Amino acid sequence: MPNHTYNKSLLLGFLLVFVALIVNTVLAYWNVQRLQSNAQAVSRQHFVMGELQQLYNILLNAETGQRGYLITGQQSFLQPYQKASMELQEKLRTVDKLVSTTPERQKLFGELETSVANRMELISKSINLREKDGIEAVSNWISAGEGKRAMDQVRSQISAIEAKEREVLEQRAAESRVSYWTALITGLISSALGLGLVISGFVLVSRDMAQRQQLSEALQKSKEKLEDRVRARTMEIEASNNALRDEIDIRTKAETTAMQAAQELQRSNRELEQFASVASHDLQEPLRKIQAFGDRLQLHCNEQLGERGIDYLQRILVSAARMRKLIDDLLTYSRVASKAQPFTAVDLNDVAEEVVGDLEGRLQDVGGVVELGKLPHLEADPMQMRQLFLNLIANALKFHRPGVPPVVKVTAQTIATPPKSSGDTSAAPAAYCEITVQDNGIGFEQVYVDRIFELFQRLHGRDEYQGTGMGLAICRKIVERHAGTITAQSEPGQGSCFIFTLPIQQRAALPATTAVTRPANPISNQELRA
């Protein structure tokens, strides 16, 4: 019971000290604010007096210019007066903002403003008098003393305003002294209360230390019991860790197997690309012979073939040309990886303009127009960028609506986020460019958007539109090699919009790979004569 009473009294004492500290803190803050306010007011009063003095100096400068002109009659002496006329209104507005805080001050400033205007009017009047009637008329006017009386009135009113400002300055100084002593006293009281609080805390901590010693001994006993329980629990955890370790080993082996499978798939893809490249080169040799002997047969034996023979020969040559085009596209597709060049800085504006120049004949045939917007600079394979733009623009010109001149628009914009299908974004470039190739052609159903980027896929018959069905597949392979994406949006009869996204800066330039190819054997003169 006595201990409880002691704690209650101690708590009450702490509460009173705390309240006293709060009160003193509030008083100290209030006094500091008053000191700051008074300091700002004092600074303002000094500034007001300085502005009034500058106003008076401006009037003196005006009088100086007046006096020089009245004596000499030369316009150059009016420069101080003209400058003072321009500065005077701005200075009056500044003084008005500073002093018109009470009705009394506003009245004083109004009188000053009237006197200043009167003085400037008299100066202007004397200048006009000098200009029209000469120096004798001005001399009589000056002798009348009207200008001196106006200037004395201005000086008197400025002195009245300064006197009023000094009264306020003295009042603020008195308030600052009161605030200073109040802040000093409250600070001393706060220090005394804080010291008492520290002493009380020391006594309380000493009592608590004795109690903590007793609790420490009890805690030691509990600790020993807990250690026994921890040892038992540790054995259980070790058993769980062993089981987890076995599971990790199994997963590691599975990941290793998956990685080996991925490497094997990459190797298989490389072999397929090399095979396609070699096969395409080997296929060109017999095709060249077919075309060469067909041309010779058409040139030298056309009359002996007859009408049916000529038709058969034409079909052979057309099929050989189509096969040659298919092989060329297949070679282009395989060379995206096998003949890739290191990434360098590429200006897509130059690339697009070069492609449009190459298609100039086709544009004239169909009456088409290609509108090129501002394209970015980026790191890329320049030859593959040229192939990409060539395929997309040529594709837009080919699939145009009958009777409607094709219009192809190429635009670009910079985006900060990587495309959704670009894979791992943890080390993705900081910026991408999104390039759009839009046309007003025949369009297609949106459900075929994935199919059109596959090898040998066509949405129209060969009789309607020529082609091998590999152009867009080559585009996709080029874009994917540059860590980008490509897609399309279209409606039948509304044109198509091909959108591909490329990083401005590649993470790492891909080295050019060397494909195992064999040069095609040229056709010998002996074979041509055979």
Protein backbone atom coordinates (compact mmCIF):
# COMPACT_ATOMS: atom_id res chain seq x y z
CA MET A 1 0.00 0.00 0.00
CA PRO A 2 2.76 2.54 0.84
CA ASN A 3 4.56 1.62 -2.42
CA HIS A 4 1.36 2.18 -4.37
CA THR A 5 0.87 5.60 -2.74
CA TYR A 6 4.48 6.52 -3.54
CA ASN A 7 4.11 5.59 -7.21
CA LYS A 8 0.86 7.55 -7.43
CA SER A 9 2.50 10.67 -5.95
CA LEU A 10 5.50 10.29 -8.26
CA LEU A 11 3.23 9.96 -11.29
CA LEU A 12 1.31 13.08 -10.25
CA GLY A 13 4.58 15.00 -9.85
CA PHE A 14 5.75 13.94 -13.32
CA LEU A 15 2.41 14.98 -14.77
CA LEU A 16 2.63 18.45 -13.22
CA VAL A 17 6.20 18.90 -14.45
CA PHE A 18 5.16 17.76 -17.91
CA VAL A 19 2.26 20.22 -18.02
CA ALA A 20 4.58 23.01 -16.86
CA LEU A 21 7.05 22.11 -19.62
CA ILE A 22 4.28 22.23 -22.21
CA VAL A 23 3.13 25.65 -20.99
CA ASN A 24 6.68 27.01 -21.01
CA THR A 25 7.27 25.58 -24.47
CA VAL A 26 4.14 27.29 -25.80
CA LEU A 27 5.19 30.57 -24.18
CA ALA A 28 8.69 30.26 -25.58
CA TYR A 29 7.32 29.56 -29.06
CA TRP A 30 4.96 32.54 -28.80
CA ASN A 31 7.80 34.84 -27.72
CA VAL A 32 10.04 33.61 -30.52
CA GLN A 33 7.28 34.31 -33.02
CA ARG A 34 6.84 37.82 -31.60
CA LEU A 35 10.59 38.43 -31.76
CA GLN A 36 10.63 37.30 -35.36
CA SER A 37 7.60 39.44 -36.22
CA ASN A 38 9.14 42.49 -34.55
CA ALA A 39 12.45 41.89 -36.32
CA GLN A 40 10.65 41.74 -39.66
CA ALA A 41 8.73 44.92 -38.79
CA VAL A 42 11.96 46.73 -37.85
CA SER A 43 13.53 45.64 -41.13
CA ARG A 44 10.43 46.89 -42.94
CA GLN A 45 10.59 50.28 -41.23
CA HIS A 46 14.21 50.73 -42.28
CA PHE A 47 13.28 49.71 -45.80
CA VAL A 48 10.42 52.25 -45.84
CA MET A 49 12.78 55.03 -44.79
CA GLY A 50 15.22 54.01 -47.49
CA GLU A 51 12.47 54.03 -50.11
CA LEU A 52 11.31 57.49 -48.96
CA GLN A 53 14.87 58.77 -49.26
CA GLN A 54 15.11 57.29 -52.78
CA LEU A 55 11.81 58.99 -53.67
CA TYR A 56 13.20 62.31 -52.49
CA ASN A 57 16.43 61.70 -54.45
CA ILE A 58 14.40 61.05 -57.61
CA LEU A 59 12.72 64.44 -57.17
CA LEU A 60 16.14 66.02 -56.67
CA ASN A 61 17.33 64.40 -59.92
CA ALA A 62 14.28 65.80 -61.69
CA GLU A 63 15.12 69.26 -60.34
CA THR A 64 18.72 68.83 -61.45
CA GLY A 65 17.61 68.07 -65.01
CA GLN A 66 15.17 71.01 -64.86
CA ARG A 67 17.83 73.39 -63.61
CA GLY A 68 20.32 72.38 -66.32
CA TYR A 69 17.79 72.82 -69.08
CA LEU A 70 16.50 76.16 -67.75
CA ILE A 71 20.04 77.53 -67.66
CA THR A 72 21.37 76.13 -70.96
CA GLY A 73 18.26 75.34 -72.99
CA GLN A 74 19.93 72.11 -74.19
CA GLN A 75 17.78 68.97 -74.40
CA SER A 76 20.59 66.72 -73.11
CA PHE A 77 20.19 68.23 -69.63
CA LEU A 78 16.63 66.86 -69.49
CA GLN A 79 17.86 63.25 -69.24
CA PRO A 80 17.78 63.20 -65.38
CA TYR A 81 14.28 64.68 -65.47
CA GLN A 82 13.05 62.15 -68.02
CA LYS A 83 14.56 59.24 -66.10
CA ALA A 84 13.02 60.54 -62.86
CA SER A 85 9.61 60.78 -64.56
CA MET A 86 9.80 57.09 -65.49
CA GLU A 87 11.02 55.93 -62.06
CA LEU A 88 8.73 58.10 -59.96
CA GLN A 89 5.44 56.21 -60.43
CA GLU A 90 7.05 52.83 -59.71
CA LYS A 91 8.66 54.23 -56.56
CA LEU A 92 5.32 55.75 -55.44
CA ARG A 93 3.61 52.37 -55.85
CA THR A 94 6.33 50.69 -53.79
CA VAL A 95 6.03 53.24 -50.98
CA ASP A 96 2.22 52.98 -51.12
CA LYS A 97 2.35 49.22 -50.50
CA LEU A 98 4.70 49.72 -47.56
CA VAL A 99 3.07 52.61 -45.68
CA SER A 100 -0.68 52.40 -46.46
CA THR A 101 -1.39 49.88 -43.69
CA THR A 102 -3.53 52.21 -41.54
CA PRO A 103 -5.96 55.05 -42.39
CA GLU A 104 -3.57 57.60 -40.85
CA ARG A 105 -0.61 56.42 -42.92
CA GLN A 106 -2.78 56.18 -46.01
CA LYS A 107 -3.80 59.81 -45.54
CA LEU A 108 -0.16 60.93 -45.16
CA PHE A 109 0.84 59.07 -48.27
CA GLY A 110 -2.08 60.54 -50.22
CA GLU A 111 -0.91 64.03 -49.34
CA LEU A 112 2.66 63.13 -50.30
CA GLU A 113 1.52 61.68 -53.63
CA THR A 114 -0.43 64.88 -54.39
CA SER A 115 2.56 67.07 -53.53
CA VAL A 116 4.92 64.98 -55.66
CA ALA A 117 2.54 65.19 -58.61
CA ASN A 118 2.25 68.96 -58.08
CA ARG A 119 6.04 69.32 -57.99
CA MET A 120 6.49 67.31 -61.19
CA GLU A 121 3.76 69.37 -62.86
CA LEU A 122 5.55 72.59 -61.90
CA ILE A 123 8.83 71.23 -63.29
CA SER A 124 7.09 70.35 -66.56
CA LYS A 125 5.48 73.80 -66.63
CA SER A 126 8.85 75.54 -66.20
CA ILE A 127 10.38 73.44 -68.99
CA ASN A 128 7.55 74.35 -71.36
CA LEU A 129 7.88 78.03 -70.33
CA ARG A 130 11.63 77.97 -71.08
CA GLU A 131 11.02 76.34 -74.42
CA LYS A 132 8.33 78.84 -75.52
CA ASP A 133 9.17 82.21 -73.84
CA GLY A 134 12.87 81.98 -73.11
CA ILE A 135 15.02 82.29 -70.04
CA GLU A 136 13.70 85.69 -68.88
CA ALA A 137 10.17 84.35 -68.41
CA VAL A 138 11.56 81.37 -66.52
CA SER A 139 13.62 83.67 -64.30
CA ASN A 140 10.50 85.60 -63.29
CA TRP A 141 8.67 82.35 -62.61
CA ILE A 142 11.49 81.03 -60.40
CA SER A 143 11.60 84.31 -58.48
CA ALA A 144 7.95 83.78 -57.55
CA GLY A 145 9.11 80.77 -55.43
CA GLU A 146 6.26 78.45 -56.37
CA GLY A 147 8.60 75.52 -57.14
CA LYS A 148 10.52 75.96 -53.87
CA ARG A 149 7.30 75.93 -51.86
CA ALA A 150 6.17 72.73 -53.58
CA MET A 151 9.52 71.03 -52.86
CA ASP A 152 9.44 72.19 -49.22
CA GLN A 153 5.96 70.71 -48.90
CA VAL A 154 7.19 67.35 -50.27
CA ARG A 155 10.14 67.41 -47.86
CA SER A 156 7.81 68.19 -44.95
CA GLN A 157 5.43 65.35 -45.79
CA ILE A 158 8.28 62.86 -46.18
CA SER A 159 9.55 63.93 -42.76
CA ALA A 160 6.05 63.41 -41.30
CA ILE A 161 5.88 59.88 -42.69
CA GLU A 162 9.40 59.13 -41.41
CA ALA A 163 8.43 60.42 -37.98
CA LYS A 164 5.42 58.11 -37.95
CA GLU A 165 7.61 55.19 -38.97
CA ARG A 166 10.09 56.01 -36.18
CA GLU A 167 7.23 55.89 -33.65
CA VAL A 168 6.29 52.43 -34.88
CA LEU A 169 9.96 51.43 -34.83
CA GLU A 170 10.32 52.47 -31.19
CA GLN A 171 7.11 50.62 -30.29
CA ARG A 172 8.40 47.45 -31.97
CA ALA A 173 11.72 47.78 -30.17
CA ALA A 174 9.92 48.00 -26.81
CA GLU A 175 7.84 44.91 -27.66
CA SER A 176 11.02 43.05 -28.66
CA ARG A 177 12.61 43.82 -25.27
CA VAL A 178 9.55 42.49 -23.46
CA SER A 179 9.53 39.34 -25.61
CA TYR A 180 13.24 38.82 -25.00
CA TRP A 181 12.92 38.93 -21.20
CA THR A 182 9.82 36.75 -21.29
CA ALA A 183 11.63 34.17 -23.43
CA LEU A 184 14.64 34.26 -21.09
CA ILE A 185 12.51 33.71 -17.96
CA THR A 186 10.49 30.90 -19.53
CA GLY A 187 13.72 29.27 -20.69
CA LEU A 188 15.16 29.34 -17.17
CA ILE A 189 11.95 27.87 -15.75
CA SER A 190 11.99 25.12 -18.38
CA SER A 191 15.62 24.32 -17.55
CA ALA A 192 14.82 24.07 -13.82
CA LEU A 193 11.85 21.82 -14.46
CA GLY A 194 13.92 19.67 -16.80
CA LEU A 195 16.64 19.30 -14.16
CA GLY A 196 14.05 18.24 -11.60
CA LEU A 197 12.67 15.73 -14.07
CA VAL A 198 16.14 14.24 -14.63
CA ILE A 199 16.76 13.86 -10.87
CA SER A 200 13.38 12.20 -10.38
CA GLY A 201 14.11 9.87 -13.27
CA PHE A 202 17.46 8.91 -11.74
CA VAL A 203 15.78 7.92 -8.48
CA LEU A 204 13.15 5.92 -10.32
CA VAL A 205 15.76 4.14 -12.47
CA SER A 206 17.75 3.15 -9.36
CA ARG A 207 14.68 1.46 -7.90
CA ASP A 208 13.96 -0.27 -11.19
CA MET A 209 17.50 -1.65 -11.41
CA ALA A 210 17.03 -3.57 -8.18
CA GLN A 211 13.79 -5.02 -9.49
CA ARG A 212 15.45 -5.88 -12.81
CA GLN A 213 18.12 -7.88 -10.98
CA GLN A 214 15.45 -10.07 -9.45
CA LEU A 215 13.74 -10.47 -12.79
CA SER A 216 17.07 -11.34 -14.45
CA GLU A 217 17.57 -14.29 -12.12
CA ALA A 218 14.08 -15.56 -12.88
CA LEU A 219 14.73 -15.05 -16.58
CA GLN A 220 17.91 -17.13 -16.44
CA LYS A 221 15.95 -20.08 -15.11
CA SER A 222 13.37 -19.69 -17.86
CA LYS A 223 16.18 -19.47 -20.41
CA GLU A 224 17.59 -22.83 -19.39
CA LYS A 225 14.19 -24.44 -19.80
CA LEU A 226 13.77 -22.77 -23.20
CA GLU A 227 17.16 -24.02 -24.41
CA ASP A 228 16.08 -27.58 -23.74
CA ARG A 229 12.98 -27.03 -25.84
CA VAL A 230 15.04 -25.35 -28.60
CA ARG A 231 17.41 -28.32 -28.82
CA ALA A 232 14.49 -30.64 -29.31
CA ARG A 233 12.99 -28.35 -31.93
CA THR A 234 16.36 -28.03 -33.71
CA MET A 235 16.49 -31.75 -34.28
CA GLU A 236 13.07 -31.60 -35.93
CA ILE A 237 14.16 -28.68 -38.14
CA GLU A 238 17.32 -30.52 -39.21
CA ALA A 239 15.21 -33.44 -40.33
CA SER A 240 12.99 -31.07 -42.34
CA ASN A 241 16.09 -29.39 -43.85
CA ASN A 242 17.42 -32.75 -45.01
CA ALA A 243 14.13 -33.47 -46.76
CA LEU A 244 14.14 -29.99 -48.32
CA ARG A 245 17.73 -30.45 -49.47
CA ASP A 246 16.79 -33.66 -51.24
CA GLU A 247 13.91 -31.86 -52.97
CA ILE A 248 16.26 -29.04 -54.05
CA ASP A 249 18.66 -31.59 -55.54
CA ILE A 250 15.81 -33.11 -57.54
CA ARG A 251 14.72 -29.69 -58.83
CA THR A 252 18.31 -28.76 -59.69
CA LYS A 253 18.69 -31.90 -61.76
CA ALA A 254 15.40 -31.14 -63.50
CA GLU A 255 16.53 -27.58 -64.28
CA THR A 256 19.84 -28.91 -65.61
CA THR A 257 17.97 -31.34 -67.84
CA ALA A 258 15.70 -28.54 -69.09
CA MET A 259 18.72 -26.29 -69.78
CA GLN A 260 20.42 -29.07 -71.73
CA ALA A 261 17.23 -29.60 -73.72
CA ALA A 262 17.08 -25.86 -74.48
CA GLN A 263 20.71 -25.89 -75.61
CA GLU A 264 20.02 -28.93 -77.78
CA LEU A 265 17.02 -27.12 -79.29
CA GLN A 266 19.18 -24.08 -80.05
CA ARG A 267 21.79 -26.33 -81.66
CA SER A 268 19.09 -28.03 -83.70
CA ASN A 269 17.74 -24.65 -84.83
CA ARG A 270 21.21 -23.55 -85.88
CA GLU A 271 21.69 -26.78 -87.84
CA LEU A 272 18.30 -26.31 -89.52
CA GLU A 273 19.23 -22.75 -90.49
CA GLN A 274 22.57 -23.94 -91.86
CA PHE A 275 20.82 -26.75 -93.70
CA ALA A 276 18.31 -24.32 -95.21
CA SER A 277 21.15 -22.03 -96.30
CA VAL A 278 23.20 -24.84 -97.86
CA ALA A 279 20.15 -26.45 -99.48
CA SER A 280 19.03 -23.13 -100.91
CA HIS A 281 22.45 -22.51 -102.45
CA ASP A 282 22.53 -26.03 -103.93
CA LEU A 283 19.02 -25.64 -105.35
CA GLN A 284 20.04 -22.49 -107.22
CA GLU A 285 22.49 -24.39 -109.47
CA PRO A 286 19.94 -26.58 -111.31
CA LEU A 287 17.47 -23.68 -111.42
CA ARG A 288 20.02 -21.47 -113.14
CA LYS A 289 20.64 -24.23 -115.67
CA ILE A 290 16.91 -24.66 -116.27
CA GLN A 291 16.49 -20.93 -116.80
CA ALA A 292 19.63 -20.65 -118.94
CA PHE A 293 18.78 -23.60 -121.22
CA GLY A 294 15.14 -22.47 -121.33
CA ASP A 295 16.20 -19.00 -122.48
CA ARG A 296 18.52 -20.53 -125.13
CA LEU A 297 15.76 -22.87 -126.27
CA GLN A 298 13.33 -19.94 -126.54
CA LEU A 299 15.92 -17.88 -128.42
CA HIS A 300 17.21 -20.48 -130.92
CA CYS A 301 14.46 -23.09 -131.23
CA ASN A 302 11.27 -21.07 -130.86
CA GLU A 303 10.04 -21.87 -134.40
CA GLN A 304 10.67 -25.63 -134.09
CA LEU A 305 8.73 -25.89 -130.79
CA GLY A 306 5.38 -24.92 -132.14
CA GLU A 307 2.55 -23.22 -130.27
CA ARG A 308 2.16 -26.00 -127.67
CA GLY A 309 5.89 -26.30 -127.11
CA ILE A 310 6.20 -22.55 -126.58
CA ASP A 311 3.38 -22.72 -123.99
CA TYR A 312 5.12 -25.57 -122.19
CA LEU A 313 8.42 -23.69 -122.26
CA GLN A 314 6.79 -20.53 -120.86
CA ARG A 315 5.29 -22.54 -118.01
CA ILE A 316 8.70 -24.06 -117.26
CA LEU A 317 10.36 -20.63 -117.16
CA VAL A 318 7.61 -19.11 -114.98
CA SER A 319 7.80 -22.01 -112.53
CA ALA A 320 11.59 -21.77 -112.44
CA ALA A 321 11.39 -18.03 -111.72
CA ARG A 322 8.86 -18.65 -108.95
CA MET A 323 11.12 -21.35 -107.51
CA ARG A 324 14.09 -18.97 -107.73
CA LYS A 325 12.12 -16.31 -105.82
CA LEU A 326 11.15 -18.89 -103.19
CA ILE A 327 14.78 -19.94 -102.74
CA ASP A 328 15.91 -16.32 -102.49
CA ASP A 329 13.33 -15.66 -99.76
CA LEU A 330 14.37 -18.84 -97.96
CA LEU A 331 18.00 -17.70 -98.09
CA THR A 332 16.99 -14.28 -96.78
CA TYR A 333 15.11 -15.93 -93.92
CA SER A 334 18.06 -18.14 -92.94
CA ARG A 335 20.56 -15.27 -93.26
CA VAL A 336 18.75 -13.27 -90.57
CA ALA A 337 20.69 -15.44 -88.13
CA SER A 338 23.45 -16.99 -90.22
CA LYS A 339 24.65 -13.76 -91.87
CA ALA A 340 23.75 -11.32 -89.12
CA GLN A 341 25.98 -8.26 -88.73
CA PRO A 342 26.91 -6.57 -85.42
CA PHE A 343 24.56 -3.84 -84.22
CA THR A 344 25.64 -0.31 -85.11
CA ALA A 345 24.09 3.16 -84.96
CA VAL A 346 21.40 3.37 -87.66
CA ASP A 347 19.37 6.38 -88.82
CA LEU A 348 16.01 4.90 -89.81
CA ASN A 349 15.19 8.08 -91.78
CA ASP A 350 18.01 7.28 -94.22
CA VAL A 351 16.96 3.62 -94.39
CA ALA A 352 13.31 4.44 -95.14
CA GLU A 353 14.21 7.07 -97.77
CA GLU A 354 16.53 4.57 -99.50
CA VAL A 355 13.77 1.93 -99.56
CA VAL A 356 11.26 4.42 -101.01
CA GLY A 357 13.80 5.29 -103.70
CA ASP A 358 14.19 1.61 -104.59
CA LEU A 359 10.39 1.29 -104.89
CA GLU A 360 10.01 4.39 -107.07
CA GLY A 361 9.16 2.35 -110.16
CA ARG A 362 6.52 0.35 -108.32
CA LEU A 363 5.05 3.56 -106.87
CA GLN A 364 4.72 5.07 -110.33
CA ASP A 365 3.05 1.90 -111.65
CA VAL A 366 0.32 1.91 -108.98
CA GLY A 367 0.15 5.70 -108.44
CA GLY A 368 1.09 5.23 -104.78
CA VAL A 369 2.51 7.60 -102.17
CA VAL A 370 4.71 6.84 -99.15
CA GLU A 371 4.57 9.44 -96.34
CA LEU A 372 7.57 9.22 -94.01
CA GLY A 373 7.38 10.72 -90.53
CA LYS A 374 10.32 11.50 -88.26
CA LEU A 375 12.03 8.20 -87.45
CA PRO A 376 14.50 7.58 -84.60
CA HIS A 377 18.18 6.65 -84.43
CA LEU A 378 18.85 3.25 -82.82
CA GLU A 379 21.31 0.37 -82.56
CA ALA A 380 20.51 -2.27 -85.18
CA ASP A 381 21.73 -4.31 -88.13
CA PRO A 382 21.46 -1.77 -91.00
CA MET A 383 20.93 -4.37 -93.75
CA GLN A 384 18.18 -6.10 -91.79
CA MET A 385 16.47 -2.77 -91.07
CA ARG A 386 16.47 -2.10 -94.81
CA GLN A 387 14.98 -5.56 -95.47
CA LEU A 388 12.33 -4.97 -92.78
CA PHE A 389 11.15 -1.63 -94.23
CA LEU A 390 11.34 -2.95 -97.80
CA ASN A 391 9.12 -5.96 -97.03
CA LEU A 392 6.50 -3.96 -95.11
CA ILE A 393 6.22 -1.07 -97.60
CA ALA A 394 6.27 -3.39 -100.63
CA ASN A 395 3.61 -5.53 -98.96
CA ALA A 396 1.42 -2.42 -98.47
CA LEU A 397 1.82 -1.46 -102.15
CA LYS A 398 1.04 -4.98 -103.37
CA PHE A 399 -2.21 -5.44 -101.44
CA HIS A 400 -3.89 -2.20 -102.52
CA ARG A 401 -7.56 -1.89 -103.42
CA PRO A 402 -8.37 -1.85 -107.14
CA GLY A 403 -8.90 1.68 -108.39
CA VAL A 404 -7.63 3.25 -105.15
CA PRO A 405 -4.08 4.68 -105.21
CA PRO A 406 -2.18 3.21 -102.25
CA VAL A 407 -1.10 5.59 -99.47
CA VAL A 408 1.48 4.26 -96.99
CA LYS A 409 2.24 6.21 -93.80
CA VAL A 410 5.34 5.43 -91.72
CA THR A 411 5.42 7.02 -88.25
CA ALA A 412 7.26 6.44 -84.98
CA GLN A 413 7.06 7.29 -81.30
CA THR A 414 9.25 6.62 -78.26
CA ILE A 415 7.86 4.52 -75.39
CA ALA A 416 9.42 3.89 -71.98
CA THR A 417 8.12 0.38 -71.26
CA PRO A 418 9.20 -2.79 -73.07
CA PRO A 419 6.64 -4.68 -75.18
CA LYS A 420 4.68 -7.40 -73.40
CA SER A 421 6.24 -10.29 -75.26
CA SER A 422 9.85 -9.13 -75.10
CA GLY A 423 10.73 -11.72 -72.46
CA ASP A 424 12.83 -10.92 -69.40
CA THR A 425 12.43 -7.23 -68.55
CA SER A 426 14.85 -7.18 -65.62
CA ALA A 427 17.68 -5.96 -67.85
CA ALA A 428 15.55 -4.49 -70.63
CA PRO A 429 16.64 -1.23 -72.34
CA ALA A 430 15.35 2.03 -70.89
CA ALA A 431 13.52 3.15 -74.06
CA TYR A 432 11.86 1.65 -77.11
CA CYS A 433 10.62 3.02 -80.40
CA GLU A 434 7.24 1.98 -81.77
CA ILE A 435 7.11 2.21 -85.57
CA THR A 436 3.84 2.00 -87.50
CA VAL A 437 3.42 1.20 -91.22
CA GLN A 438 -0.20 1.97 -92.16
CA ASP A 439 -1.87 1.58 -95.55
CA ASN A 440 -5.30 1.97 -97.14
CA GLY A 441 -5.27 -1.41 -98.86
CA ILE A 442 -7.59 -4.42 -98.88
CA GLY A 443 -6.92 -5.36 -95.23
CA PHE A 444 -7.64 -8.79 -93.70
CA GLU A 445 -9.57 -10.47 -90.92
CA GLN A 446 -7.96 -9.84 -87.50
CA VAL A 447 -8.22 -13.56 -86.65
CA TYR A 448 -5.38 -14.21 -89.14
CA VAL A 449 -2.93 -11.82 -87.45
CA ASP A 450 -0.72 -14.66 -86.14
CA ARG A 451 -0.94 -16.76 -89.28
CA ILE A 452 0.39 -14.06 -91.62
CA PHE A 453 3.77 -14.03 -89.82
CA GLU A 454 4.34 -17.78 -90.34
CA LEU A 455 6.42 -19.33 -93.14
CA PHE A 456 4.71 -19.95 -96.51
CA GLN A 457 1.36 -18.65 -95.24
CA ARG A 458 -0.85 -16.76 -97.70
CA LEU A 459 -4.37 -15.36 -97.30
CA HIS A 460 -4.91 -14.99 -101.07
CA GLY A 461 -4.37 -17.21 -104.07
CA ARG A 462 -1.23 -16.93 -106.20
CA ASP A 463 -3.36 -15.90 -109.17
CA GLU A 464 -4.63 -12.83 -107.24
CA TYR A 465 -1.35 -11.62 -105.73
CA GLN A 466 2.17 -12.81 -106.48
CA GLY A 467 4.47 -13.82 -103.64
CA THR A 468 6.05 -16.66 -101.68
CA GLY A 469 4.36 -16.12 -98.31
CA MET A 470 7.71 -15.48 -96.58
CA GLY A 471 7.97 -11.67 -96.47
CA LEU A 472 6.24 -11.16 -93.11
CA ALA A 473 7.95 -14.22 -91.62
CA ILE A 474 11.29 -12.59 -92.47
CA CYS A 475 10.06 -9.37 -90.82
CA ARG A 476 9.18 -11.19 -87.62
CA LYS A 477 12.53 -12.99 -87.52
CA ILE A 478 14.41 -9.67 -87.97
CA VAL A 479 12.38 -7.97 -85.23
CA GLU A 480 12.86 -10.88 -82.81
CA ARG A 481 16.60 -10.87 -83.47
CA HIS A 482 16.58 -7.21 -82.34
CA ALA A 483 14.69 -8.09 -79.10
CA GLY A 484 11.48 -6.50 -80.37
CA THR A 485 7.92 -7.47 -81.27
CA ILE A 486 5.71 -7.11 -84.34
CA THR A 487 1.96 -7.32 -84.77
CA ALA A 488 -0.77 -6.01 -87.04
CA GLN A 489 -4.25 -4.51 -86.86
CA SER A 490 -6.63 -4.66 -89.80
CA GLU A 491 -10.21 -4.84 -91.08
CA PRO A 492 -11.27 -6.00 -94.54
CA GLY A 493 -11.48 -3.03 -96.89
CA GLN A 494 -10.10 -0.62 -94.25
CA GLY A 495 -6.37 -1.09 -94.76
CA SER A 496 -3.75 -2.60 -92.45
CA CYS A 497 -1.50 -1.24 -89.72
CA PHE A 498 1.75 -3.09 -88.97
CA ILE A 499 3.31 -2.12 -85.64
CA PHE A 500 6.80 -3.21 -84.60
CA THR A 501 8.69 -2.21 -81.48
CA LEU A 502 12.50 -2.09 -81.19
CA PRO A 503 14.84 -1.04 -78.35
CA ILE A 504 16.69 2.23 -78.92
CA GLN A 505 19.86 0.68 -77.49
CA GLN A 506 20.61 -3.03 -77.55
CA ARG A 507 21.75 -4.76 -74.36
CA ALA A 508 24.56 -6.51 -76.21
CA ALA A 509 25.48 -6.50 -79.85
CA LEU A 510 25.01 -9.97 -81.40
CA PRO A 511 28.11 -11.21 -83.25
CA ALA A 512 27.74 -12.21 -86.84
CA THR A 513 27.63 -15.98 -87.33
CA THR A 514 29.16 -17.86 -90.22
CA ALA A 515 26.95 -20.33 -92.02
CA VAL A 516 28.36 -23.43 -93.73
CA THR A 517 27.56 -22.65 -97.35
CA ARG A 518 28.97 -23.79 -100.66
CA PRO A 519 29.17 -21.51 -103.67
CA ALA A 520 26.90 -22.47 -106.52
CA ASN A 521 28.73 -23.82 -109.56
CA PRO A 522 28.46 -21.55 -112.59
CA ILE A 523 27.05 -22.96 -115.85
CA SER A 524 29.92 -23.72 -118.19
CA ASN A 525 29.99 -22.79 -121.85
CA GLN A 526 30.14 -26.51 -122.70
CA GLU A 527 26.85 -27.13 -120.89
CA LEU A 528 25.23 -24.17 -122.65
CA ARG A 529 26.29 -25.58 -126.01
CA ALA A 530 25.08 -29.08 -125.13
